[in-house]
Amino acid sequence: MDAEAIACGRCGLVLGQGAPAAERLTWVHERASERESWLCPACARLHLRDIEGKLPSEYW
């Protein structure tokens, strides 16, 4: 993850550039088609089933 500020694609929460590395690791990166987005830890927990549903069948 690069050092720029990122925002949650669902709730809009912003994680600033100065955030500790451990906090930055809790965010989820999504890539759909050519669109990239981020999910904060709270939204990632709420939408876990959606995230799991996007995994290839080899993971199951």
PDB file of N, CA and C in Angstrom:
ATOM      1  N   MET A   1       0.858  -1.161   0.000  1.00  0.00           N
ATOM      2  CA  MET A   1       0.000   0.000   0.000  1.00  0.00           C
ATOM      3  C   MET A   1       0.904   1.223   0.000  1.00  0.00           C
ATOM      4  N   ASP A   2       0.655   2.158  -0.852  1.00  0.00           N
ATOM      5  CA  ASP A   2       1.504   3.343  -0.887  1.00  0.00           C
ATOM      6  C   ASP A   2       1.103   4.306   0.224  1.00  0.00           C
ATOM      7  N   ALA A   3       1.866   5.362   0.369  1.00  0.00           N
ATOM      8  CA  ALA A   3       1.712   6.262   1.512  1.00  0.00           C
ATOM      9  C   ALA A   3       0.633   7.325   1.325  1.00  0.00           C
ATOM     10  N   GLU A   4      -0.111   7.307   0.260  1.00  0.00           N
ATOM     11  CA  GLU A   4      -1.128   8.339   0.070  1.00  0.00           C
ATOM     12  C   GLU A   4      -2.380   8.035   0.890  1.00  0.00           C
ATOM     13  N   ALA A   5      -3.185   9.054   1.112  1.00  0.00           N
ATOM     14  CA  ALA A   5      -4.431   8.887   1.863  1.00  0.00           C
ATOM     15  C   ALA A   5      -5.413   8.065   1.040  1.00  0.00           C
ATOM     16  N   ILE A   6      -6.170   7.211   1.722  1.00  0.00           N
ATOM     17  CA  ILE A   6      -7.182   6.402   1.052  1.00  0.00           C
ATOM     18  C   ILE A   6      -8.517   6.606   1.752  1.00  0.00           C
ATOM     19  N   ALA A   7      -9.603   6.350   1.027  1.00  0.00           N
ATOM     20  CA  ALA A   7     -10.949   6.517   1.576  1.00  0.00           C
ATOM     21  C   ALA A   7     -11.744   5.232   1.357  1.00  0.00           C
ATOM     22  N   CYS A   8     -12.594   4.916   2.316  1.00  0.00           N
ATOM     23  CA  CYS A   8     -13.451   3.739   2.216  1.00  0.00           C
ATOM     24  C   CYS A   8     -14.486   3.968   1.112  1.00  0.00           C
ATOM     25  N   GLY A   9     -14.637   2.999   0.232  1.00  0.00           N
ATOM     26  CA  GLY A   9     -15.579   3.096  -0.860  1.00  0.00           C
ATOM     27  C   GLY A   9     -17.032   2.965  -0.438  1.00  0.00           C
ATOM     28  N   ARG A  10     -17.294   2.534   0.782  1.00  0.00           N
ATOM     29  CA  ARG A  10     -18.673   2.363   1.258  1.00  0.00           C
ATOM     30  C   ARG A  10     -19.101   3.496   2.179  1.00  0.00           C
ATOM     31  N   CYS A  11     -18.281   3.828   3.191  1.00  0.00           N
ATOM     32  CA  CYS A  11     -18.704   4.830   4.177  1.00  0.00           C
ATOM     33  C   CYS A  11     -17.974   6.162   4.040  1.00  0.00           C
ATOM     34  N   GLY A  12     -16.875   6.206   3.283  1.00  0.00           N
ATOM     35  CA  GLY A  12     -16.155   7.451   3.065  1.00  0.00           C
ATOM     36  C   GLY A  12     -15.106   7.780   4.113  1.00  0.00           C
ATOM     37  N   LEU A  13     -14.902   6.924   5.118  1.00  0.00           N
ATOM     38  CA  LEU A  13     -13.877   7.153   6.131  1.00  0.00           C
ATOM     39  C   LEU A  13     -12.521   7.294   5.456  1.00  0.00           C
ATOM     40  N   VAL A  14     -11.744   8.292   5.870  1.00  0.00           N
ATOM     41  CA  VAL A  14     -10.442   8.551   5.257  1.00  0.00           C
ATOM     42  C   VAL A  14      -9.332   8.113   6.198  1.00  0.00           C
ATOM     43  N   LEU A  15      -8.374   7.379   5.656  1.00  0.00           N
ATOM     44  CA  LEU A  15      -7.169   6.993   6.384  1.00  0.00           C
ATOM     45  C   LEU A  15      -6.046   7.856   5.843  1.00  0.00           C
ATOM     46  N   GLY A  16      -5.515   8.723   6.675  1.00  0.00           N
ATOM     47  CA  GLY A  16      -4.517   9.692   6.238  1.00  0.00           C
ATOM     48  C   GLY A  16      -3.146   9.107   6.007  1.00  0.00           C
ATOM     49  N   GLN A  17      -2.290   9.908   5.419  1.00  0.00           N
ATOM     50  CA  GLN A  17      -0.926   9.504   5.098  1.00  0.00           C
ATOM     51  C   GLN A  17      -0.117   9.163   6.340  1.00  0.00           C
ATOM     52  N   GLY A  18      -0.390   9.821   7.452  1.00  0.00           N
ATOM     53  CA  GLY A  18       0.396   9.618   8.656  1.00  0.00           C
ATOM     54  C   GLY A  18      -0.065   8.457   9.522  1.00  0.00           C
ATOM     55  N   ALA A  19      -1.006   7.666   9.043  1.00  0.00           N
ATOM     56  CA  ALA A  19      -1.523   6.546   9.840  1.00  0.00           C
ATOM     57  C   ALA A  19      -0.431   5.507  10.050  1.00  0.00           C
ATOM     58  N   PRO A  20      -0.392   4.892  11.230  1.00  0.00           N
ATOM     59  CA  PRO A  20       0.597   3.845  11.497  1.00  0.00           C
ATOM     60  C   PRO A  20       0.430   2.666  10.532  1.00  0.00           C
ATOM     61  N   ALA A  21       1.527   2.009  10.233  1.00  0.00           N
ATOM     62  CA  ALA A  21       1.504   0.889   9.288  1.00  0.00           C
ATOM     63  C   ALA A  21       0.543  -0.201   9.739  1.00  0.00           C
ATOM     64  N   ALA A  22       0.489  -0.493  11.035  1.00  0.00           N
ATOM     65  CA  ALA A  22      -0.407  -1.538  11.538  1.00  0.00           C
ATOM     66  C   ALA A  22      -1.865  -1.194  11.258  1.00  0.00           C
ATOM     67  N   GLU A  23      -2.221   0.072  11.351  1.00  0.00           N
ATOM     68  CA  GLU A  23      -3.596   0.484  11.060  1.00  0.00           C
ATOM     69  C   GLU A  23      -3.883   0.378   9.572  1.00  0.00           C
ATOM     70  N   ARG A  24      -2.920   0.715   8.742  1.00  0.00           N
ATOM     71  CA  ARG A  24      -3.108   0.640   7.288  1.00  0.00           C
ATOM     72  C   ARG A  24      -3.306  -0.807   6.828  1.00  0.00           C
ATOM     73  N   LEU A  25      -2.727  -1.764   7.543  1.00  0.00           N
ATOM     74  CA  LEU A  25      -2.853  -3.170   7.161  1.00  0.00           C
ATOM     75  C   LEU A  25      -4.246  -3.733   7.397  1.00  0.00           C
ATOM     76  N   THR A  26      -5.081  -3.042   8.160  1.00  0.00           N
ATOM     77  CA  THR A  26      -6.426  -3.545   8.441  1.00  0.00           C
ATOM     78  C   THR A  26      -7.424  -3.200   7.340  1.00  0.00           C
ATOM     79  N   TRP A  27      -7.035  -2.378   6.398  1.00  0.00           N
ATOM     80  CA  TRP A  27      -7.916  -1.996   5.298  1.00  0.00           C
ATOM     81  C   TRP A  27      -7.875  -3.057   4.206  1.00  0.00           C
ATOM     82  N   VAL A  28      -8.996  -3.200   3.483  1.00  0.00           N
ATOM     83  CA  VAL A  28      -9.124  -4.205   2.423  1.00  0.00           C
ATOM     84  C   VAL A  28      -9.108  -3.507   1.070  1.00  0.00           C
ATOM     85  N   HIS A  29      -8.294  -4.029   0.155  1.00  0.00           N
ATOM     86  CA  HIS A  29      -8.204  -3.491  -1.204  1.00  0.00           C
ATOM     87  C   HIS A  29      -9.048  -4.362  -2.121  1.00  0.00           C
ATOM     88  N   GLU A  30      -9.924  -3.747  -2.895  1.00  0.00           N
ATOM     89  CA  GLU A  30     -10.759  -4.467  -3.860  1.00  0.00           C
ATOM     90  C   GLU A  30     -10.426  -3.993  -5.272  1.00  0.00           C
ATOM     91  N   ARG A  31     -10.449  -4.926  -6.196  1.00  0.00           N
ATOM     92  CA  ARG A  31     -10.256  -4.576  -7.604  1.00  0.00           C
ATOM     93  C   ARG A  31     -11.325  -5.293  -8.409  1.00  0.00           C
ATOM     94  N   ALA A  32     -12.206  -4.516  -9.043  1.00  0.00           N
ATOM     95  CA  ALA A  32     -13.262  -5.060  -9.882  1.00  0.00           C
ATOM     96  C   ALA A  32     -13.129  -4.419 -11.256  1.00  0.00           C
ATOM     97  N   SER A  33     -12.950  -5.259 -12.255  1.00  0.00           N
ATOM     98  CA  SER A  33     -12.670  -4.788 -13.619  1.00  0.00           C
ATOM     99  C   SER A  33     -11.435  -3.896 -13.567  1.00  0.00           C
ATOM    100  N   GLU A  34     -11.590  -2.636 -13.910  1.00  0.00           N
ATOM    101  CA  GLU A  34     -10.448  -1.721 -13.851  1.00  0.00           C
ATOM    102  C   GLU A  34     -10.599  -0.722 -12.721  1.00  0.00           C
ATOM    103  N   ARG A  35     -11.558  -0.944 -11.846  1.00  0.00           N
ATOM    104  CA  ARG A  35     -11.824  -0.032 -10.741  1.00  0.00           C
ATOM    105  C   ARG A  35     -11.218  -0.571  -9.448  1.00  0.00           C
ATOM    106  N   GLU A  36     -10.497   0.268  -8.741  1.00  0.00           N
ATOM    107  CA  GLU A  36      -9.926  -0.112  -7.462  1.00  0.00           C
ATOM    108  C   GLU A  36     -10.620   0.659  -6.350  1.00  0.00           C
ATOM    109  N   SER A  37     -10.844   0.003  -5.210  1.00  0.00           N
ATOM    110  CA  SER A  37     -11.442   0.684  -4.068  1.00  0.00           C
ATOM    111  C   SER A  37     -10.894   0.084  -2.786  1.00  0.00           C
ATOM    112  N   TRP A  38     -11.161   0.773  -1.683  1.00  0.00           N
ATOM    113  CA  TRP A  38     -10.708   0.348  -0.366  1.00  0.00           C
ATOM    114  C   TRP A  38     -11.905   0.225   0.558  1.00  0.00           C
ATOM    115  N   LEU A  39     -11.814  -0.688   1.527  1.00  0.00           N
ATOM    116  CA  LEU A  39     -12.828  -0.837   2.566  1.00  0.00           C
ATOM    117  C   LEU A  39     -12.148  -0.679   3.922  1.00  0.00           C
ATOM    118  N   CYS A  40     -12.752   0.131   4.790  1.00  0.00           N
ATOM    119  CA  CYS A  40     -12.242   0.274   6.148  1.00  0.00           C
ATOM    120  C   CYS A  40     -12.536  -1.029   6.903  1.00  0.00           C
ATOM    121  N   PRO A  41     -11.899  -1.257   8.034  1.00  0.00           N
ATOM    122  CA  PRO A  41     -12.130  -2.500   8.776  1.00  0.00           C
ATOM    123  C   PRO A  41     -13.603  -2.743   9.139  1.00  0.00           C
ATOM    124  N   ALA A  42     -14.327  -1.709   9.527  1.00  0.00           N
ATOM    125  CA  ALA A  42     -15.732  -1.868   9.909  1.00  0.00           C
ATOM    126  C   ALA A  42     -16.579  -2.308   8.711  1.00  0.00           C
ATOM    127  N   CYS A  43     -16.399  -1.670   7.571  1.00  0.00           N
ATOM    128  CA  CYS A  43     -17.172  -2.047   6.373  1.00  0.00           C
ATOM    129  C   CYS A  43     -16.765  -3.421   5.867  1.00  0.00           C
ATOM    130  N   ALA A  44     -15.499  -3.758   5.983  1.00  0.00           N
ATOM    131  CA  ALA A  44     -15.041  -5.082   5.565  1.00  0.00           C
ATOM    132  C   ALA A  44     -15.724  -6.162   6.390  1.00  0.00           C
ATOM    133  N   ARG A  45     -15.852  -5.950   7.700  1.00  0.00           N
ATOM    134  CA  ARG A  45     -16.548  -6.924   8.547  1.00  0.00           C
ATOM    135  C   ARG A  45     -18.017  -7.032   8.165  1.00  0.00           C
ATOM    136  N   LEU A  46     -18.657  -5.891   7.893  1.00  0.00           N
ATOM    137  CA  LEU A  46     -20.071  -5.902   7.535  1.00  0.00           C
ATOM    138  C   LEU A  46     -20.333  -6.590   6.194  1.00  0.00           C
ATOM    139  N   HIS A  47     -19.383  -6.518   5.281  1.00  0.00           N
ATOM    140  CA  HIS A  47     -19.577  -7.022   3.924  1.00  0.00           C
ATOM    141  C   HIS A  47     -18.691  -8.230   3.621  1.00  0.00           C
ATOM    142  N   LEU A  48     -18.365  -8.989   4.656  1.00  0.00           N
ATOM    143  CA  LEU A  48     -17.488 -10.145   4.501  1.00  0.00           C
ATOM    144  C   LEU A  48     -18.045 -11.167   3.520  1.00  0.00           C
ATOM    145  N   ARG A  49     -19.335 -11.430   3.565  1.00  0.00           N
ATOM    146  CA  ARG A  49     -19.938 -12.413   2.648  1.00  0.00           C
ATOM    147  C   ARG A  49     -19.808 -11.963   1.190  1.00  0.00           C
ATOM    148  N   ASP A  50     -19.944 -10.677   0.925  1.00  0.00           N
ATOM    149  CA  ASP A  50     -19.758 -10.170  -0.443  1.00  0.00           C
ATOM    150  C   ASP A  50     -18.329 -10.404  -0.904  1.00  0.00           C
ATOM    151  N   ILE A  51     -17.374 -10.151  -0.007  1.00  0.00           N
ATOM    152  CA  ILE A  51     -15.963 -10.321  -0.350  1.00  0.00           C
ATOM    153  C   ILE A  51     -15.672 -11.796  -0.612  1.00  0.00           C
ATOM    154  N   GLU A  52     -16.156 -12.680   0.260  1.00  0.00           N
ATOM    155  CA  GLU A  52     -15.936 -14.118   0.079  1.00  0.00           C
ATOM    156  C   GLU A  52     -16.572 -14.618  -1.206  1.00  0.00           C
ATOM    157  N   GLY A  53     -17.716 -14.065  -1.573  1.00  0.00           N
ATOM    158  CA  GLY A  53     -18.403 -14.490  -2.779  1.00  0.00           C
ATOM    159  C   GLY A  53     -17.639 -14.185  -4.051  1.00  0.00           C
ATOM    160  N   LYS A  54     -16.708 -13.260  -3.989  1.00  0.00           N
ATOM    161  CA  LYS A  54     -15.916 -12.893  -5.164  1.00  0.00           C
ATOM    162  C   LYS A  54     -14.675 -13.775  -5.333  1.00  0.00           C
ATOM    163  N   LEU A  55     -14.367 -14.603  -4.330  1.00  0.00           N
ATOM    164  CA  LEU A  55     -13.186 -15.454  -4.415  1.00  0.00           C
ATOM    165  C   LEU A  55     -13.405 -16.584  -5.411  1.00  0.00           C
ATOM    166  N   PRO A  56     -12.363 -16.968  -6.132  1.00  0.00           N
ATOM    167  CA  PRO A  56     -12.482 -18.108  -7.058  1.00  0.00           C
ATOM    168  C   PRO A  56     -12.803 -19.390  -6.271  1.00  0.00           C
ATOM    169  N   SER A  57     -13.404 -20.360  -6.923  1.00  0.00           N
ATOM    170  CA  SER A  57     -13.807 -21.599  -6.260  1.00  0.00           C
ATOM    171  C   SER A  57     -12.626 -22.391  -5.729  1.00  0.00           C
ATOM    172  N   GLU A  58     -11.402 -22.153  -6.204  1.00  0.00           N
ATOM    173  CA  GLU A  58     -10.221 -22.870  -5.716  1.00  0.00           C
ATOM    174  C   GLU A  58      -9.980 -22.619  -4.235  1.00  0.00           C
ATOM    175  N   TYR A  59     -10.473 -21.496  -3.708  1.00  0.00           N
ATOM    176  CA  TYR A  59     -10.279 -21.179  -2.295  1.00  0.00           C
ATOM    177  C   TYR A  59     -11.174 -22.019  -1.398  1.00  0.00           C
ATOM    178  N   TRP A  60     -12.171 -22.659  -1.950  1.00  0.00           N
ATOM    179  CA  TRP A  60     -13.111 -23.437  -1.148  1.00  0.00           C
ATOM    180  C   TRP A  60     -12.873 -24.884  -1.413  1.00  0.00           C
TER     181      TRP A  60
END
